[in-house]
Amino acid sequence: MFKILSNILMIAAVAAVMGACTGTPYLNSHWGRSVETAKTLQVANPQAGRQSVQAPEMDGRAAGQAVDSYRQSFNQAVAH
């Protein structure tokens, strides 16, 4: 009786191990697709690095003042 039970358990264990060895063909065929999709969606203008046109909305002085104001807002927040 014990030998039959141990044989059944051994066969079940071998079947479980063999079942775990199967591949994932669907996942492997789509590997990295979500990363590529996210990168594609985040790029608004792929040629932006090759263009040397400045943004017409803000000059350098106004941009500097905006950055200074932004930095000072953190100092004020820490002081309170």
PDB file of N, CA and C in Angstrom:
ATOM      1  N   MET A   1       0.824  -1.194   0.000  1.00  0.00           N
ATOM      2  CA  MET A   1       0.000   0.000   0.000  1.00  0.00           C
ATOM      3  C   MET A   1       0.870   1.260   0.000  1.00  0.00           C
ATOM      4  N   PHE A   2       1.903   1.224   0.858  1.00  0.00           N
ATOM      5  CA  PHE A   2       2.792   2.387   0.929  1.00  0.00           C
ATOM      6  C   PHE A   2       3.538   2.589  -0.382  1.00  0.00           C
ATOM      7  N   LYS A   3       3.929   1.512  -1.038  1.00  0.00           N
ATOM      8  CA  LYS A   3       4.662   1.598  -2.297  1.00  0.00           C
ATOM      9  C   LYS A   3       3.777   2.189  -3.396  1.00  0.00           C
ATOM     10  N   ILE A   4       2.518   1.812  -3.439  1.00  0.00           N
ATOM     11  CA  ILE A   4       1.595   2.346  -4.443  1.00  0.00           C
ATOM     12  C   ILE A   4       1.382   3.842  -4.218  1.00  0.00           C
ATOM     13  N   LEU A   5       1.199   4.225  -2.967  1.00  0.00           N
ATOM     14  CA  LEU A   5       0.987   5.645  -2.633  1.00  0.00           C
ATOM     15  C   LEU A   5       2.226   6.472  -2.965  1.00  0.00           C
ATOM     16  N   SER A   6       3.399   5.945  -2.669  1.00  0.00           N
ATOM     17  CA  SER A   6       4.625   6.685  -2.983  1.00  0.00           C
ATOM     18  C   SER A   6       4.823   6.789  -4.494  1.00  0.00           C
ATOM     19  N   ASN A   7       4.451   5.765  -5.259  1.00  0.00           N
ATOM     20  CA  ASN A   7       4.544   5.826  -6.719  1.00  0.00           C
ATOM     21  C   ASN A   7       3.586   6.872  -7.286  1.00  0.00           C
ATOM     22  N   ILE A   8       2.387   6.923  -6.757  1.00  0.00           N
ATOM     23  CA  ILE A   8       1.414   7.926  -7.211  1.00  0.00           C
ATOM     24  C   ILE A   8       1.913   9.331  -6.908  1.00  0.00           C
ATOM     25  N   LEU A   9       2.459   9.543  -5.723  1.00  0.00           N
ATOM     26  CA  LEU A   9       2.990  10.855  -5.370  1.00  0.00           C
ATOM     27  C   LEU A   9       4.194  11.229  -6.235  1.00  0.00           C
ATOM     28  N   MET A  10       5.026  10.252  -6.550  1.00  0.00           N
ATOM     29  CA  MET A  10       6.190  10.501  -7.404  1.00  0.00           C
ATOM     30  C   MET A  10       5.742  10.889  -8.815  1.00  0.00           C
ATOM     31  N   ILE A  11       4.744  10.186  -9.339  1.00  0.00           N
ATOM     32  CA  ILE A  11       4.229  10.516 -10.673  1.00  0.00           C
ATOM     33  C   ILE A  11       3.605  11.910 -10.674  1.00  0.00           C
ATOM     34  N   ALA A  12       2.884  12.250  -9.635  1.00  0.00           N
ATOM     35  CA  ALA A  12       2.276  13.582  -9.530  1.00  0.00           C
ATOM     36  C   ALA A  12       3.353  14.663  -9.448  1.00  0.00           C
ATOM     37  N   ALA A  13       4.407  14.406  -8.702  1.00  0.00           N
ATOM     38  CA  ALA A  13       5.492  15.384  -8.586  1.00  0.00           C
ATOM     39  C   ALA A  13       6.201  15.571  -9.916  1.00  0.00           C
ATOM     40  N   VAL A  14       6.451  14.492 -10.640  1.00  0.00           N
ATOM     41  CA  VAL A  14       7.106  14.585 -11.948  1.00  0.00           C
ATOM     42  C   VAL A  14       6.202  15.336 -12.926  1.00  0.00           C
ATOM     43  N   ALA A  15       4.908  15.083 -12.885  1.00  0.00           N
ATOM     44  CA  ALA A  15       3.972  15.781 -13.771  1.00  0.00           C
ATOM     45  C   ALA A  15       3.941  17.275 -13.452  1.00  0.00           C
ATOM     46  N   ALA A  16       3.982  17.624 -12.175  1.00  0.00           N
ATOM     47  CA  ALA A  16       3.982  19.034 -11.790  1.00  0.00           C
ATOM     48  C   ALA A  16       5.255  19.731 -12.253  1.00  0.00           C
ATOM     49  N   VAL A  17       6.389  19.075 -12.119  1.00  0.00           N
ATOM     50  CA  VAL A  17       7.654  19.661 -12.561  1.00  0.00           C
ATOM     51  C   VAL A  17       7.667  19.810 -14.073  1.00  0.00           C
ATOM     52  N   MET A  18       7.192  18.828 -14.793  1.00  0.00           N
ATOM     53  CA  MET A  18       7.164  18.909 -16.254  1.00  0.00           C
ATOM     54  C   MET A  18       6.188  19.995 -16.726  1.00  0.00           C
ATOM     55  N   GLY A  19       5.111  20.176 -16.007  1.00  0.00           N
ATOM     56  CA  GLY A  19       4.165  21.236 -16.358  1.00  0.00           C
ATOM     57  C   GLY A  19       4.758  22.616 -16.149  1.00  0.00           C
ATOM     58  N   ALA A  20       5.646  22.740 -15.194  1.00  0.00           N
ATOM     59  CA  ALA A  20       6.284  24.034 -14.937  1.00  0.00           C
ATOM     60  C   ALA A  20       7.356  24.362 -15.964  1.00  0.00           C
ATOM     61  N   CYS A  21       7.772  23.384 -16.747  1.00  0.00           N
ATOM     62  CA  CYS A  21       8.833  23.597 -17.726  1.00  0.00           C
ATOM     63  C   CYS A  21       8.324  24.116 -19.065  1.00  0.00           C
ATOM     64  N   THR A  22       7.031  24.309 -19.195  1.00  0.00           N
ATOM     65  CA  THR A  22       6.505  24.778 -20.480  1.00  0.00           C
ATOM     66  C   THR A  22       6.877  26.236 -20.680  1.00  0.00           C
ATOM     67  N   GLY A  23       6.924  26.650 -21.919  1.00  0.00           N
ATOM     68  CA  GLY A  23       7.297  28.023 -22.253  1.00  0.00           C
ATOM     69  C   GLY A  23       6.100  28.954 -22.243  1.00  0.00           C
ATOM     70  N   THR A  24       6.358  30.213 -22.531  1.00  0.00           N
ATOM     71  CA  THR A  24       5.315  31.229 -22.611  1.00  0.00           C
ATOM     72  C   THR A  24       5.419  31.906 -23.970  1.00  0.00           C
ATOM     73  N   PRO A  25       4.950  31.227 -25.035  1.00  0.00           N
ATOM     74  CA  PRO A  25       5.149  31.776 -26.375  1.00  0.00           C
ATOM     75  C   PRO A  25       4.454  33.114 -26.590  1.00  0.00           C
ATOM     76  N   TYR A  26       3.277  33.316 -26.014  1.00  0.00           N
ATOM     77  CA  TYR A  26       2.582  34.591 -26.203  1.00  0.00           C
ATOM     78  C   TYR A  26       3.363  35.732 -25.552  1.00  0.00           C
ATOM     79  N   LEU A  27       3.808  35.509 -24.322  1.00  0.00           N
ATOM     80  CA  LEU A  27       4.562  36.554 -23.625  1.00  0.00           C
ATOM     81  C   LEU A  27       5.895  36.811 -24.315  1.00  0.00           C
ATOM     82  N   ASN A  28       6.560  35.771 -24.769  1.00  0.00           N
ATOM     83  CA  ASN A  28       7.847  35.943 -25.432  1.00  0.00           C
ATOM     84  C   ASN A  28       7.718  36.700 -26.739  1.00  0.00           C
ATOM     85  N   SER A  29       6.624  36.502 -27.465  1.00  0.00           N
ATOM     86  CA  SER A  29       6.462  37.183 -28.745  1.00  0.00           C
ATOM     87  C   SER A  29       6.152  38.664 -28.565  1.00  0.00           C
ATOM     88  N   HIS A  30       5.662  39.066 -27.390  1.00  0.00           N
ATOM     89  CA  HIS A  30       5.328  40.466 -27.133  1.00  0.00           C
ATOM     90  C   HIS A  30       6.303  41.117 -26.150  1.00  0.00           C
ATOM     91  N   TRP A  31       7.447  40.500 -25.944  1.00  0.00           N
ATOM     92  CA  TRP A  31       8.415  40.993 -24.961  1.00  0.00           C
ATOM     93  C   TRP A  31       8.893  42.397 -25.337  1.00  0.00           C
ATOM     94  N   GLY A  32       8.761  43.355 -24.427  1.00  0.00           N
ATOM     95  CA  GLY A  32       9.248  44.708 -24.639  1.00  0.00           C
ATOM     96  C   GLY A  32       8.283  45.615 -25.378  1.00  0.00           C
ATOM     97  N   ARG A  33       7.159  45.112 -25.793  1.00  0.00           N
ATOM     98  CA  ARG A  33       6.222  45.921 -26.561  1.00  0.00           C
ATOM     99  C   ARG A  33       5.652  47.070 -25.718  1.00  0.00           C
ATOM    100  N   SER A  34       5.382  46.851 -24.441  1.00  0.00           N
ATOM    101  CA  SER A  34       4.821  47.917 -23.616  1.00  0.00           C
ATOM    102  C   SER A  34       5.826  49.047 -23.420  1.00  0.00           C
ATOM    103  N   VAL A  35       7.104  48.711 -23.304  1.00  0.00           N
ATOM    104  CA  VAL A  35       8.131  49.749 -23.147  1.00  0.00           C
ATOM    105  C   VAL A  35       8.249  50.567 -24.429  1.00  0.00           C
ATOM    106  N   GLU A  36       8.269  49.896 -25.557  1.00  0.00           N
ATOM    107  CA  GLU A  36       8.360  50.603 -26.836  1.00  0.00           C
ATOM    108  C   GLU A  36       7.137  51.478 -27.066  1.00  0.00           C
ATOM    109  N   THR A  37       5.956  51.002 -26.693  1.00  0.00           N
ATOM    110  CA  THR A  37       4.745  51.791 -26.843  1.00  0.00           C
ATOM    111  C   THR A  37       4.797  53.025 -25.956  1.00  0.00           C
ATOM    112  N   ALA A  38       5.243  52.867 -24.717  1.00  0.00           N
ATOM    113  CA  ALA A  38       5.332  54.006 -23.803  1.00  0.00           C
ATOM    114  C   ALA A  38       6.331  55.035 -24.310  1.00  0.00           C
ATOM    115  N   LYS A  39       7.474  54.591 -24.808  1.00  0.00           N
ATOM    116  CA  LYS A  39       8.461  55.535 -25.347  1.00  0.00           C
ATOM    117  C   LYS A  39       7.904  56.285 -26.551  1.00  0.00           C
ATOM    118  N   THR A  40       7.209  55.578 -27.415  1.00  0.00           N
ATOM    119  CA  THR A  40       6.637  56.206 -28.599  1.00  0.00           C
ATOM    120  C   THR A  40       5.599  57.250 -28.213  1.00  0.00           C
ATOM    121  N   LEU A  41       4.770  56.945 -27.228  1.00  0.00           N
ATOM    122  CA  LEU A  41       3.723  57.878 -26.817  1.00  0.00           C
ATOM    123  C   LEU A  41       4.289  59.097 -26.088  1.00  0.00           C
ATOM    124  N   GLN A  42       5.461  58.978 -25.490  1.00  0.00           N
ATOM    125  CA  GLN A  42       6.038  60.092 -24.748  1.00  0.00           C
ATOM    126  C   GLN A  42       6.786  61.072 -25.645  1.00  0.00           C
ATOM    127  N   VAL A  43       7.101  60.685 -26.839  1.00  0.00           N
ATOM    128  CA  VAL A  43       7.855  61.551 -27.731  1.00  0.00           C
ATOM    129  C   VAL A  43       6.878  62.395 -28.539  1.00  0.00           C
ATOM    130  N   ALA A  44       6.799  63.694 -28.227  1.00  0.00           N
ATOM    131  CA  ALA A  44       5.893  64.592 -28.937  1.00  0.00           C
ATOM    132  C   ALA A  44       6.484  65.013 -30.268  1.00  0.00           C
ATOM    133  N   ASN A  45       7.792  65.275 -30.282  1.00  0.00           N
ATOM    134  CA  ASN A  45       8.452  65.725 -31.501  1.00  0.00           C
ATOM    135  C   ASN A  45       9.802  65.031 -31.590  1.00  0.00           C
ATOM    136  N   PRO A  46       9.907  63.953 -32.341  1.00  0.00           N
ATOM    137  CA  PRO A  46      11.163  63.212 -32.409  1.00  0.00           C
ATOM    138  C   PRO A  46      12.312  64.019 -33.004  1.00  0.00           C
ATOM    139  N   GLN A  47      12.036  65.049 -33.779  1.00  0.00           N
ATOM    140  CA  GLN A  47      13.071  65.852 -34.422  1.00  0.00           C
ATOM    141  C   GLN A  47      13.452  67.078 -33.583  1.00  0.00           C
ATOM    142  N   ALA A  48      12.974  67.180 -32.363  1.00  0.00           N
ATOM    143  CA  ALA A  48      13.206  68.371 -31.550  1.00  0.00           C
ATOM    144  C   ALA A  48      14.691  68.611 -31.294  1.00  0.00           C
ATOM    145  N   GLY A  49      15.483  67.584 -31.145  1.00  0.00           N
ATOM    146  CA  GLY A  49      16.906  67.755 -30.886  1.00  0.00           C
ATOM    147  C   GLY A  49      17.677  68.286 -32.078  1.00  0.00           C
ATOM    148  N   ARG A  50      17.135  68.115 -33.244  1.00  0.00           N
ATOM    149  CA  ARG A  50      17.813  68.582 -34.457  1.00  0.00           C
ATOM    150  C   ARG A  50      17.408  70.002 -34.834  1.00  0.00           C
ATOM    151  N   GLN A  51      16.389  70.539 -34.204  1.00  0.00           N
ATOM    152  CA  GLN A  51      15.928  71.887 -34.500  1.00  0.00           C
ATOM    153  C   GLN A  51      16.545  72.860 -33.506  1.00  0.00           C
ATOM    154  N   SER A  52      17.027  73.987 -33.998  1.00  0.00           N
ATOM    155  CA  SER A  52      17.624  74.977 -33.110  1.00  0.00           C
ATOM    156  C   SER A  52      16.734  76.210 -32.980  1.00  0.00           C
ATOM    157  N   VAL A  53      15.446  76.024 -33.134  1.00  0.00           N
ATOM    158  CA  VAL A  53      14.498  77.131 -33.039  1.00  0.00           C
ATOM    159  C   VAL A  53      14.112  77.317 -31.574  1.00  0.00           C
ATOM    160  N   GLN A  54      14.204  78.549 -31.094  1.00  0.00           N
ATOM    161  CA  GLN A  54      13.831  78.833 -29.718  1.00  0.00           C
ATOM    162  C   GLN A  54      12.328  79.016 -29.614  1.00  0.00           C
ATOM    163  N   ALA A  55      11.805  78.759 -28.454  1.00  0.00           N
ATOM    164  CA  ALA A  55      10.379  78.955 -28.229  1.00  0.00           C
ATOM    165  C   ALA A  55      10.077  80.452 -28.228  1.00  0.00           C
ATOM    166  N   PRO A  56       9.138  80.907 -29.050  1.00  0.00           N
ATOM    167  CA  PRO A  56       8.871  82.342 -29.161  1.00  0.00           C
ATOM    168  C   PRO A  56       8.086  82.910 -27.987  1.00  0.00           C
ATOM    169  N   GLU A  57       7.554  82.075 -27.124  1.00  0.00           N
ATOM    170  CA  GLU A  57       6.683  82.563 -26.055  1.00  0.00           C
ATOM    171  C   GLU A  57       7.432  83.280 -24.935  1.00  0.00           C
ATOM    172  N   MET A  58       8.713  82.987 -24.716  1.00  0.00           N
ATOM    173  CA  MET A  58       9.407  83.509 -23.551  1.00  0.00           C
ATOM    174  C   MET A  58      10.862  83.819 -23.909  1.00  0.00           C
ATOM    175  N   ASP A  59      11.325  84.995 -23.511  1.00  0.00           N
ATOM    176  CA  ASP A  59      12.726  85.329 -23.746  1.00  0.00           C
ATOM    177  C   ASP A  59      13.578  84.836 -22.574  1.00  0.00           C
ATOM    178  N   GLY A  60      14.869  84.978 -22.679  1.00  0.00           N
ATOM    179  CA  GLY A  60      15.779  84.470 -21.658  1.00  0.00           C
ATOM    180  C   GLY A  60      15.608  85.118 -20.303  1.00  0.00           C
ATOM    181  N   ARG A  61      15.381  86.418 -20.271  1.00  0.00           N
ATOM    182  CA  ARG A  61      15.224  87.124 -18.990  1.00  0.00           C
ATOM    183  C   ARG A  61      13.962  86.650 -18.268  1.00  0.00           C
ATOM    184  N   ALA A  62      12.856  86.536 -18.997  1.00  0.00           N
ATOM    185  CA  ALA A  62      11.604  86.075 -18.381  1.00  0.00           C
ATOM    186  C   ALA A  62      11.749  84.631 -17.893  1.00  0.00           C
ATOM    187  N   ALA A  63      12.454  83.805 -18.654  1.00  0.00           N
ATOM    188  CA  ALA A  63      12.665  82.425 -18.239  1.00  0.00           C
ATOM    189  C   ALA A  63      13.507  82.367 -16.967  1.00  0.00           C
ATOM    190  N   GLY A  64      14.536  83.202 -16.879  1.00  0.00           N
ATOM    191  CA  GLY A  64      15.368  83.246 -15.678  1.00  0.00           C
ATOM    192  C   GLY A  64      14.579  83.689 -14.459  1.00  0.00           C
ATOM    193  N   GLN A  65      13.719  84.681 -14.644  1.00  0.00           N
ATOM    194  CA  GLN A  65      12.886  85.138 -13.527  1.00  0.00           C
ATOM    195  C   GLN A  65      11.899  84.048 -13.097  1.00  0.00           C
ATOM    196  N   ALA A  66      11.374  83.308 -14.043  1.00  0.00           N
ATOM    197  CA  ALA A  66      10.454  82.229 -13.701  1.00  0.00           C
ATOM    198  C   ALA A  66      11.163  81.141 -12.905  1.00  0.00           C
ATOM    199  N   VAL A  67      12.382  80.814 -13.295  1.00  0.00           N
ATOM    200  CA  VAL A  67      13.149  79.795 -12.570  1.00  0.00           C
ATOM    201  C   VAL A  67      13.481  80.288 -11.162  1.00  0.00           C
ATOM    202  N   ASP A  68      13.886  81.551 -11.040  1.00  0.00           N
ATOM    203  CA  ASP A  68      14.192  82.105  -9.711  1.00  0.00           C
ATOM    204  C   ASP A  68      12.959  82.086  -8.820  1.00  0.00           C
ATOM    205  N   SER A  69      11.815  82.472  -9.365  1.00  0.00           N
ATOM    206  CA  SER A  69      10.571  82.461  -8.602  1.00  0.00           C
ATOM    207  C   SER A  69      10.216  81.045  -8.165  1.00  0.00           C
ATOM    208  N   TYR A  70      10.428  80.087  -9.044  1.00  0.00           N
ATOM    209  CA  TYR A  70      10.158  78.683  -8.727  1.00  0.00           C
ATOM    210  C   TYR A  70      11.043  78.202  -7.585  1.00  0.00           C
ATOM    211  N   ARG A  71      12.310  78.540  -7.637  1.00  0.00           N
ATOM    212  CA  ARG A  71      13.233  78.121  -6.573  1.00  0.00           C
ATOM    213  C   ARG A  71      12.903  78.787  -5.245  1.00  0.00           C
ATOM    214  N   GLN A  72      12.527  80.063  -5.281  1.00  0.00           N
ATOM    215  CA  GLN A  72      12.181  80.773  -4.046  1.00  0.00           C
ATOM    216  C   GLN A  72      10.908  80.215  -3.417  1.00  0.00           C
ATOM    217  N   SER A  73      10.015  79.660  -4.231  1.00  0.00           N
ATOM    218  CA  SER A  73       8.782  79.097  -3.675  1.00  0.00           C
ATOM    219  C   SER A  73       9.092  77.917  -2.755  1.00  0.00           C
ATOM    220  N   PHE A  74      10.175  77.185  -3.030  1.00  0.00           N
ATOM    221  CA  PHE A  74      10.554  76.083  -2.147  1.00  0.00           C
ATOM    222  C   PHE A  74      11.110  76.610  -0.831  1.00  0.00           C
ATOM    223  N   ASN A  75      11.873  77.696  -0.881  1.00  0.00           N
ATOM    224  CA  ASN A  75      12.401  78.275   0.344  1.00  0.00           C
ATOM    225  C   ASN A  75      11.282  78.775   1.228  1.00  0.00           C
ATOM    226  N   GLN A  76      10.263  79.365   0.639  1.00  0.00           N
ATOM    227  CA  GLN A  76       9.126  79.875   1.409  1.00  0.00           C
ATOM    228  C   GLN A  76       8.324  78.712   2.008  1.00  0.00           C
ATOM    229  N   ALA A  77       8.210  77.621   1.272  1.00  0.00           N
ATOM    230  CA  ALA A  77       7.453  76.475   1.768  1.00  0.00           C
ATOM    231  C   ALA A  77       8.170  75.828   2.955  1.00  0.00           C
ATOM    232  N   VAL A  78       9.500  75.789   2.927  1.00  0.00           N
ATOM    233  CA  VAL A  78      10.262  75.184   4.023  1.00  0.00           C
ATOM    234  C   VAL A  78      10.211  76.075   5.255  1.00  0.00           C
ATOM    235  N   ALA A  79      10.180  77.387   5.066  1.00  0.00           N
ATOM    236  CA  ALA A  79      10.189  78.317   6.186  1.00  0.00           C
ATOM    237  C   ALA A  79       8.887  78.263   6.990  1.00  0.00           C
ATOM    238  N   HIS A  80       7.799  77.851   6.359  1.00  0.00           N
ATOM    239  CA  HIS A  80       6.511  77.839   7.071  1.00  0.00           C
ATOM    240  C   HIS A  80       6.346  76.611   7.866  1.00  0.00           C
TER     241      HIS A  80
END
